[in-house]
Amino acid sequence: MAVQWMATTWGAPDAWELREVEVPAPRTGEVTIRVHAAGVNPADAKHVAVPRDGVDLPLPIGYEVSGVLTAVGPDTRIASGAAGVGDEVIAFRVQGGYATELTVPADLVLRKPTTLTHPAAANLLLAGTTAAEMLAVTGVQAGETILLHAASGAVGVAVLQLAAARGVRVIGTASEAGAARVTRYGGVPVRYGPGLADRVRDLAPDGIAAALDAVGTAEALDVSLELVTDRQRILTIADGARAQRDGIRFIAGALPESARFRAQVRGELVDLAEQGLLEVPVARTYTLAEAPEALRFLMEGHPGGKLALIP
């Protein structure tokens, strides 16, 4: 038996239930993971905040975990070096990661980077794949200078590190408190607020090749449109309506056409982390029972790093 958080009604995490559940033995193509840490993401709560077509309740919560293999289904091969029971692994995109143990498809599982703790590893893949997709969709190339909004947030920090590894210069908007984090991960911080476009021009006299938005404010998108002429090189992950209105790019975590790209990039993220080129800053950890509290803190904004649940 395991315990697992379930959304039993639509609404805030306070309405979820921590239930005892049976963990099925893995079949061919499946493995069982004892969870050492579960990543906490805004999507965990947003997915069940309001009724959605094709989504039935109760629904287990949590998309990514880090842990140890406790069982492997017959004739099952695991990607990226993990071999068998006792190996440390990460998994994404699972269903029901807010748990002590769960059985998942083996093709969602990769070896855990030895350089990352379980709380950090549990937060590697959702933000990392989103960041990699943002750079890919806008065609960012080595030698270019790009503008990144919300650069000190979880996705922003991943973008900064991936861009630095590819020889891309990033000017990243941040608060005064977040500026040091932007610098630490290879970016050039710029304060958001009135006059932002002029401050960016001063830092990039040769122009901005692309603009990536992870916050969705009017200022972020207005400045992006002012500085980047090619609207196909402006992307937001936070305001789909504005993207449609202004003809800029939009990606979201559930896009089915992204599946092949995401499968390819997961192994690259693990390799970069293993080489010490990709860190995952963790601000706080919580017990599994404190999941609603963790999500409330996350949704208040500016947690200063990722959050993880420790069963």
Protein backbone atom coordinates (compact mmCIF):
# COMPACT_ATOMS: atom_id res chain seq x y z
CA MET A 1 0.00 0.00 0.00
CA ALA A 2 1.02 3.61 -0.53
CA VAL A 3 -0.47 6.99 0.24
CA GLN A 4 -1.22 9.45 -2.55
CA TRP A 5 -2.86 12.85 -2.92
CA MET A 6 -6.08 12.80 -4.98
CA ALA A 7 -8.19 15.65 -6.30
CA THR A 8 -11.70 14.48 -5.48
CA THR A 9 -13.45 17.76 -6.27
CA TRP A 10 -12.61 20.69 -8.53
CA GLY A 11 -10.98 23.57 -6.74
CA ALA A 12 -8.07 24.51 -4.50
CA PRO A 13 -5.64 21.95 -3.00
CA ASP A 14 -7.35 22.31 0.39
CA ALA A 15 -10.10 20.11 -1.06
CA TRP A 16 -7.75 17.25 -2.01
CA GLU A 17 -7.55 13.98 -0.05
CA LEU A 18 -4.51 11.99 1.03
CA ARG A 19 -5.63 8.40 0.47
CA GLU A 20 -4.26 4.91 0.92
CA VAL A 21 -3.95 3.27 -2.49
CA GLU A 22 -2.88 -0.11 -3.81
CA VAL A 23 0.33 0.01 -5.85
CA PRO A 24 -0.07 -2.39 -8.79
CA ALA A 25 2.81 -4.71 -9.61
CA PRO A 26 4.55 -3.51 -12.77
CA ARG A 27 3.64 -5.26 -16.01
CA THR A 28 5.83 -5.43 -19.10
CA GLY A 29 6.89 -1.88 -19.91
CA GLU A 30 6.33 -0.61 -16.36
CA VAL A 31 8.36 -0.01 -13.19
CA THR A 32 7.57 0.81 -9.57
CA ILE A 33 9.32 3.74 -7.88
CA ARG A 34 9.61 4.48 -4.17
CA VAL A 35 9.33 8.27 -4.16
CA HIS A 36 12.06 10.17 -2.33
CA ALA A 37 10.87 13.57 -3.57
CA ALA A 38 8.02 14.92 -5.69
CA GLY A 39 8.36 18.13 -7.68
CA VAL A 40 5.82 20.87 -6.99
CA ASN A 41 4.59 22.88 -9.99
CA PRO A 42 1.81 25.40 -10.62
CA ALA A 43 0.33 22.98 -13.17
CA ASP A 44 -0.37 20.48 -10.39
CA ALA A 45 -3.08 22.74 -9.00
CA LYS A 46 -4.17 24.46 -12.21
CA HIS A 47 -5.05 21.15 -13.86
CA VAL A 48 -7.86 20.52 -11.38
CA ALA A 49 -8.81 24.09 -10.43
CA VAL A 50 -11.91 24.10 -12.66
CA PRO A 51 -13.80 21.39 -14.59
CA ARG A 52 -12.02 20.40 -17.81
CA ASP A 53 -13.24 18.40 -20.79
CA GLY A 54 -11.81 14.90 -20.79
CA VAL A 55 -10.60 15.06 -17.18
CA ASP A 56 -12.45 12.89 -14.67
CA LEU A 57 -12.21 12.93 -10.89
CA PRO A 58 -10.82 11.60 -8.64
CA LEU A 59 -7.42 12.36 -10.16
CA PRO A 60 -4.01 11.62 -8.64
CA ILE A 61 -1.79 14.70 -8.42
CA GLY A 62 1.86 15.30 -9.35
CA TYR A 63 3.84 15.17 -12.59
CA GLU A 64 7.47 14.48 -11.65
CA VAL A 65 9.32 12.45 -9.04
CA SER A 66 12.75 11.29 -7.99
CA GLY A 67 13.27 8.02 -6.19
CA VAL A 68 14.47 4.43 -6.27
CA LEU A 69 13.26 1.50 -8.35
CA THR A 70 11.57 -1.14 -6.22
CA ALA A 71 10.28 -3.37 -9.03
CA VAL A 72 10.71 -3.73 -12.79
CA GLY A 73 8.17 -5.40 -15.04
CA PRO A 74 9.18 -8.47 -17.07
CA ASP A 75 11.18 -7.80 -20.26
CA THR A 76 11.27 -4.09 -19.42
CA ARG A 77 14.15 -1.83 -20.49
CA ILE A 78 14.75 1.57 -18.90
CA ALA A 79 16.38 4.41 -20.82
CA SER A 80 19.46 6.41 -19.92
CA GLY A 81 21.42 3.91 -17.87
CA ALA A 82 19.01 2.80 -15.12
CA ALA A 83 19.06 -0.97 -14.99
CA GLY A 84 17.17 -2.49 -12.11
CA VAL A 85 15.88 -2.57 -8.56
CA GLY A 86 17.78 -0.20 -6.27
CA ASP A 87 18.76 2.27 -9.00
CA GLU A 88 18.02 5.96 -8.46
CA VAL A 89 15.73 7.38 -11.14
CA ILE A 90 13.55 10.33 -12.07
CA ALA A 91 10.25 10.19 -13.91
CA PHE A 92 8.15 12.67 -15.90
CA ARG A 93 5.33 13.08 -16.98
CA VAL A 94 3.73 10.74 -14.47
CA GLN A 95 0.25 10.89 -12.99
CA GLY A 96 0.15 10.81 -9.23
CA GLY A 97 3.66 11.77 -8.16
CA TYR A 98 2.45 13.16 -4.82
CA ALA A 99 2.80 9.68 -3.34
CA THR A 100 5.05 7.36 -1.38
CA GLU A 101 5.24 4.82 -4.21
CA LEU A 102 3.76 4.44 -7.68
CA THR A 103 3.92 2.29 -10.80
CA VAL A 104 4.58 4.14 -14.06
CA PRO A 105 5.42 3.43 -17.72
CA ALA A 106 9.14 2.71 -18.06
CA ASP A 107 9.49 5.11 -20.97
CA LEU A 108 8.87 8.00 -18.54
CA VAL A 109 11.86 7.00 -16.42
CA LEU A 110 15.50 8.08 -16.64
CA ARG A 111 18.51 7.66 -14.39
CA LYS A 112 18.81 10.33 -11.73
CA PRO A 113 21.79 12.66 -12.20
CA THR A 114 24.27 11.94 -9.42
CA THR A 115 24.97 15.66 -9.09
CA LEU A 116 21.43 16.46 -7.95
CA THR A 117 19.70 15.73 -4.66
CA HIS A 118 16.34 14.02 -4.85
CA PRO A 119 14.43 17.32 -4.26
CA ALA A 120 16.38 18.99 -7.07
CA ALA A 121 16.13 16.01 -9.42
CA ALA A 122 12.37 15.83 -8.85
CA ASN A 123 12.12 19.33 -10.29
CA LEU A 124 14.43 18.95 -13.28
CA LEU A 125 12.23 17.85 -16.14
CA LEU A 126 9.05 19.93 -16.24
CA ALA A 127 10.80 23.30 -16.06
CA GLY A 128 13.74 22.01 -18.10
CA THR A 129 11.70 20.69 -21.00
CA THR A 130 9.63 23.87 -21.07
CA ALA A 131 12.80 25.96 -21.20
CA ALA A 132 14.32 23.85 -23.95
CA GLU A 133 11.12 24.07 -25.96
CA MET A 134 11.02 27.86 -25.63
CA LEU A 135 14.51 28.13 -27.10
CA ALA A 136 13.76 25.63 -29.86
CA VAL A 137 10.43 27.11 -30.95
CA THR A 138 11.94 30.60 -31.31
CA GLY A 139 15.00 29.27 -33.14
CA VAL A 140 17.55 30.74 -30.75
CA GLN A 141 21.13 30.34 -32.02
CA ALA A 142 24.62 30.71 -30.56
CA GLY A 143 25.85 34.29 -30.63
CA GLU A 144 22.39 35.86 -30.39
CA THR A 145 21.13 38.12 -27.63
CA ILE A 146 17.63 37.37 -26.35
CA LEU A 147 15.27 38.92 -23.81
CA LEU A 148 13.82 36.69 -21.08
CA HIS A 149 10.96 37.86 -18.85
CA ALA A 150 10.76 36.41 -15.31
CA ALA A 151 14.35 35.24 -15.59
CA SER A 152 14.75 34.46 -11.88
CA GLY A 153 11.81 32.04 -11.78
CA ALA A 154 12.03 28.27 -12.17
CA VAL A 155 11.60 28.17 -15.95
CA GLY A 156 13.70 31.31 -16.33
CA VAL A 157 16.64 29.80 -14.44
CA ALA A 158 16.48 26.74 -16.69
CA VAL A 159 16.42 28.96 -19.81
CA LEU A 160 19.43 30.91 -18.53
CA GLN A 161 21.51 27.77 -18.05
CA LEU A 162 20.52 26.13 -21.34
CA ALA A 163 21.21 29.37 -23.20
CA ALA A 164 24.61 29.77 -21.55
CA ALA A 165 25.55 26.22 -22.55
CA ARG A 166 24.69 27.11 -26.17
CA GLY A 167 26.57 30.41 -26.30
CA VAL A 168 23.47 32.62 -26.18
CA ARG A 169 23.48 35.95 -24.31
CA VAL A 170 20.37 36.49 -22.19
CA ILE A 171 19.10 39.76 -20.80
CA GLY A 172 16.70 38.76 -18.05
CA THR A 173 14.08 40.84 -16.30
CA ALA A 174 13.99 40.46 -12.53
CA SER A 175 13.26 42.25 -9.31
CA GLU A 176 16.12 43.63 -7.27
CA ALA A 177 15.99 40.49 -5.14
CA GLY A 178 16.11 38.21 -8.20
CA ALA A 179 18.94 40.01 -10.01
CA ALA A 180 21.67 38.02 -8.25
CA ARG A 181 20.05 34.75 -9.36
CA VAL A 182 19.99 35.94 -12.98
CA THR A 183 23.69 36.78 -12.78
CA ARG A 184 24.54 33.48 -11.08
CA TYR A 185 23.05 31.48 -13.92
CA GLY A 186 24.73 33.40 -16.72
CA GLY A 187 22.28 36.19 -17.56
CA VAL A 188 22.44 39.98 -17.57
CA PRO A 189 19.77 41.27 -15.15
CA VAL A 190 17.55 44.21 -15.98
CA ARG A 191 14.93 45.71 -13.69
CA TYR A 192 11.38 45.49 -14.94
CA GLY A 193 9.04 48.48 -14.69
CA PRO A 194 8.66 51.78 -16.56
CA GLY A 195 11.47 52.38 -19.03
CA LEU A 196 12.22 48.68 -19.50
CA ALA A 197 12.53 48.86 -23.29
CA ASP A 198 15.11 51.65 -23.09
CA ARG A 199 17.14 49.81 -20.47
CA VAL A 200 17.19 46.72 -22.67
CA ARG A 201 18.31 48.77 -25.68
CA ASP A 202 21.19 50.15 -23.63
CA LEU A 203 22.28 46.59 -22.81
CA ALA A 204 21.77 45.31 -26.37
CA PRO A 205 22.71 48.09 -28.84
CA ASP A 206 22.75 45.57 -31.70
CA GLY A 207 19.18 44.50 -30.97
CA ILE A 208 17.24 41.60 -29.48
CA ALA A 209 16.88 38.49 -31.64
CA ALA A 210 14.02 36.85 -29.69
CA ALA A 211 11.91 37.42 -26.60
CA LEU A 212 10.72 34.69 -24.22
CA ASP A 213 8.01 35.39 -21.65
CA ALA A 214 7.38 33.28 -18.55
CA VAL A 215 5.22 35.76 -16.63
CA GLY A 216 2.45 36.99 -18.95
CA THR A 217 2.27 40.63 -17.86
CA ALA A 218 1.19 43.34 -20.28
CA GLU A 219 4.57 45.03 -19.85
CA ALA A 220 6.50 41.88 -20.78
CA LEU A 221 4.58 41.34 -23.99
CA ASP A 222 4.39 45.03 -24.94
CA VAL A 223 8.16 45.41 -24.59
CA SER A 224 8.76 42.17 -26.50
CA LEU A 225 6.65 43.43 -29.41
CA GLU A 226 8.48 46.77 -29.33
CA LEU A 227 11.95 45.21 -29.47
CA VAL A 228 11.50 42.15 -31.71
CA THR A 229 10.13 42.66 -35.21
CA ASP A 230 9.61 38.99 -36.11
CA ARG A 231 6.56 37.91 -34.12
CA GLN A 232 7.41 34.25 -34.65
CA ARG A 233 10.43 34.86 -32.42
CA ILE A 234 8.31 36.15 -29.54
CA LEU A 235 6.94 33.44 -27.26
CA THR A 236 4.87 33.31 -24.10
CA ILE A 237 4.02 30.38 -21.85
CA ALA A 238 1.70 32.49 -19.70
CA ASP A 239 -0.85 34.29 -21.91
CA GLY A 240 -2.40 32.23 -24.68
CA ALA A 241 -5.13 34.77 -25.40
CA ARG A 242 -2.61 37.56 -25.96
CA ALA A 243 -0.52 35.26 -28.14
CA GLN A 244 -3.48 34.55 -30.39
CA ARG A 245 -4.43 38.22 -30.57
CA ASP A 246 -0.94 39.46 -31.42
CA GLY A 247 0.22 36.56 -33.59
CA ILE A 248 3.10 35.47 -31.37
CA ARG A 249 4.09 31.97 -30.31
CA PHE A 250 2.50 30.14 -27.38
CA ILE A 251 3.34 26.80 -25.82
CA ALA A 252 1.72 24.98 -22.93
CA GLY A 253 2.69 21.91 -20.99
CA ALA A 254 0.01 19.66 -22.44
CA LEU A 255 0.62 20.21 -26.16
CA PRO A 256 0.51 16.70 -27.72
CA GLU A 257 2.63 17.77 -30.70
CA SER A 258 5.48 18.45 -28.28
CA ALA A 259 5.75 14.82 -27.13
CA ARG A 260 8.53 13.78 -29.51
CA PHE A 261 10.62 16.86 -28.72
CA ARG A 262 10.16 16.40 -25.00
CA ALA A 263 11.20 12.74 -25.13
CA GLN A 264 14.37 13.71 -26.99
CA VAL A 265 15.34 16.58 -24.73
CA ARG A 266 14.87 14.73 -21.42
CA GLY A 267 18.06 12.75 -21.88
CA GLU A 268 19.95 15.91 -22.81
CA LEU A 269 18.80 17.59 -19.59
CA VAL A 270 19.98 14.63 -17.52
CA ASP A 271 23.37 14.72 -19.26
CA LEU A 272 23.78 18.47 -18.68
CA ALA A 273 22.91 18.04 -15.01
CA GLU A 274 25.38 15.17 -14.72
CA GLN A 275 28.09 17.41 -16.18
CA GLY A 276 27.31 20.13 -13.65
CA LEU A 277 25.98 22.47 -16.36
CA LEU A 278 22.37 22.47 -15.15
CA GLU A 279 21.39 23.14 -11.54
CA VAL A 280 17.94 23.15 -9.96
CA PRO A 281 17.79 25.59 -7.03
CA VAL A 282 15.45 24.33 -4.30
CA ALA A 283 13.96 26.92 -1.96
CA ARG A 284 12.02 24.71 0.45
CA THR A 285 10.97 21.15 1.10
CA TYR A 286 7.74 19.97 2.72
CA THR A 287 6.42 16.68 3.99
CA LEU A 288 3.98 14.87 1.74
CA ALA A 289 1.15 15.76 4.13
CA GLU A 290 1.97 19.46 3.63
CA ALA A 291 1.26 19.45 -0.12
CA PRO A 292 -1.61 22.01 0.09
CA GLU A 293 0.62 24.34 2.11
CA ALA A 294 3.44 23.99 -0.42
CA LEU A 295 1.14 24.85 -3.31
CA ARG A 296 -0.30 27.86 -1.49
CA PHE A 297 3.23 29.17 -0.96
CA LEU A 298 4.10 28.51 -4.61
CA MET A 299 1.02 30.28 -5.96
CA GLU A 300 1.76 33.36 -3.84
CA GLY A 301 4.69 33.91 -6.21
CA HIS A 302 8.46 34.38 -5.94
CA PRO A 303 9.34 31.35 -3.82
CA GLY A 304 13.04 31.84 -4.62
CA GLY A 305 13.50 28.39 -6.12
CA LYS A 306 11.71 25.09 -6.56
CA LEU A 307 9.68 23.28 -3.89
CA ALA A 308 9.62 19.55 -3.22
CA LEU A 309 7.55 17.13 -1.17
CA ILE A 310 9.42 14.52 0.86
CA PRO A 311 7.36 11.40 1.65
